[in-house]
């Protein structure tokens, strides 16, 4: 079997199952909020290191865009938001 289709997701590949789980939970809770609390907006919050190593990977960016995931990255030491997308 040819594995070349998997090559673009290299540095964050070990995080793929975690990303899949997080996105599944995000979509689930976003759906519930839309039905029961439509005025609220859900954000996926991740440490900045994960944002850079996983969410900015070429395989993750299109998925985040397609699902319209709003997220923010934070610095856990400083307890501040570093960046966000809506």
Protein backbone atom coordinates (compact mmCIF):
# COMPACT_ATOMS: atom_id res chain seq x y z
CA UNK A 1 0.00 0.00 0.00
CA UNK A 2 1.29 3.47 -0.93
CA UNK A 3 1.50 5.80 2.09
CA UNK A 4 2.32 8.99 0.17
CA UNK A 5 -1.16 10.39 0.88
CA UNK A 6 -0.24 10.51 4.57
CA UNK A 7 3.04 12.38 4.20
CA UNK A 8 1.74 16.01 4.37
CA UNK A 9 0.77 15.54 8.02
CA UNK A 10 4.22 14.92 9.41
CA UNK A 11 5.18 16.89 12.50
CA UNK A 12 1.75 16.79 14.11
CA UNK A 13 0.78 13.30 12.97
CA UNK A 14 0.88 11.90 16.49
CA UNK A 15 -1.74 14.51 17.44
CA UNK A 16 -4.20 13.51 14.70
CA UNK A 17 -6.41 11.28 16.89
CA UNK A 18 -6.57 14.02 19.54
CA UNK A 19 -7.46 16.59 16.88
CA UNK A 20 -10.17 14.30 15.50
CA UNK A 21 -11.64 13.83 18.98
CA UNK A 22 -11.50 17.55 19.79
CA UNK A 23 -13.19 18.48 16.51
CA UNK A 24 -15.88 15.87 17.06
CA UNK A 25 -16.62 17.27 20.51
CA UNK A 26 -16.55 20.82 19.14
CA UNK A 27 -19.10 20.02 16.42
CA UNK A 28 -21.28 18.15 18.93
CA UNK A 29 -21.37 20.98 21.47
CA UNK A 30 -21.72 23.67 18.78
CA UNK A 31 -24.81 21.88 17.53
CA UNK A 32 -26.29 21.74 21.04
CA UNK A 33 -25.53 25.41 21.69
CA UNK A 34 -27.14 26.40 18.39
CA UNK A 35 -30.36 24.65 19.44
CA UNK A 36 -30.55 25.52 23.12
CA UNK A 37 -28.51 28.72 23.52
CA UNK A 38 -28.31 30.27 20.06
CA UNK A 39 -26.82 33.53 21.32
CA UNK A 40 -23.63 31.87 22.53
CA UNK A 41 -20.54 31.14 20.45
CA UNK A 42 -18.29 28.15 21.04
CA UNK A 43 -14.51 28.37 20.78
CA UNK A 44 -11.98 25.56 20.67
CA UNK A 45 -9.28 26.58 23.19
CA UNK A 46 -5.80 25.10 22.84
CA UNK A 47 -2.37 25.89 24.21
CA UNK A 48 -0.34 27.95 21.74
CA UNK A 49 2.18 25.11 21.31
CA UNK A 50 -0.63 22.83 20.05
CA UNK A 51 -1.99 25.59 17.83
CA UNK A 52 1.39 25.92 16.11
CA UNK A 53 2.29 22.22 15.99
CA UNK A 54 -1.12 20.84 15.01
CA UNK A 55 -3.77 23.36 14.00
CA UNK A 56 -1.48 25.18 11.57
CA UNK A 57 -0.52 21.96 9.79
CA UNK A 58 -1.57 21.76 6.13
CA UNK A 59 -3.95 18.87 6.83
CA UNK A 60 -5.71 20.65 9.70
CA UNK A 61 -6.25 24.11 8.19
CA UNK A 62 -8.79 23.06 5.50
CA UNK A 63 -10.77 21.01 8.03
CA UNK A 64 -10.94 23.93 10.45
CA UNK A 65 -12.07 26.20 7.62
CA UNK A 66 -14.65 23.72 6.28
CA UNK A 67 -16.14 23.24 9.75
CA UNK A 68 -15.89 26.97 10.51
CA UNK A 69 -14.13 26.26 13.80
CA UNK A 70 -13.63 29.31 15.98
CA UNK A 71 -10.60 28.80 18.15
CA UNK A 72 -8.13 30.57 20.32
CA UNK A 73 -4.65 29.73 21.46
CA UNK A 74 -3.48 30.64 24.92
CA UNK A 75 -0.22 30.72 26.83
CA UNK A 76 -0.81 28.52 29.88
CA UNK A 77 2.10 30.06 31.83
CA UNK A 78 1.04 33.68 31.29
CA UNK A 79 -2.69 32.82 31.26
CA UNK A 80 -3.32 35.06 28.24
CA UNK A 81 -4.86 34.53 24.82
CA UNK A 82 -2.16 34.68 22.17
CA UNK A 83 -4.27 34.44 19.01
CA UNK A 84 -7.78 33.58 17.89
CA UNK A 85 -9.79 32.83 14.77
CA UNK A 86 -13.52 33.22 14.31
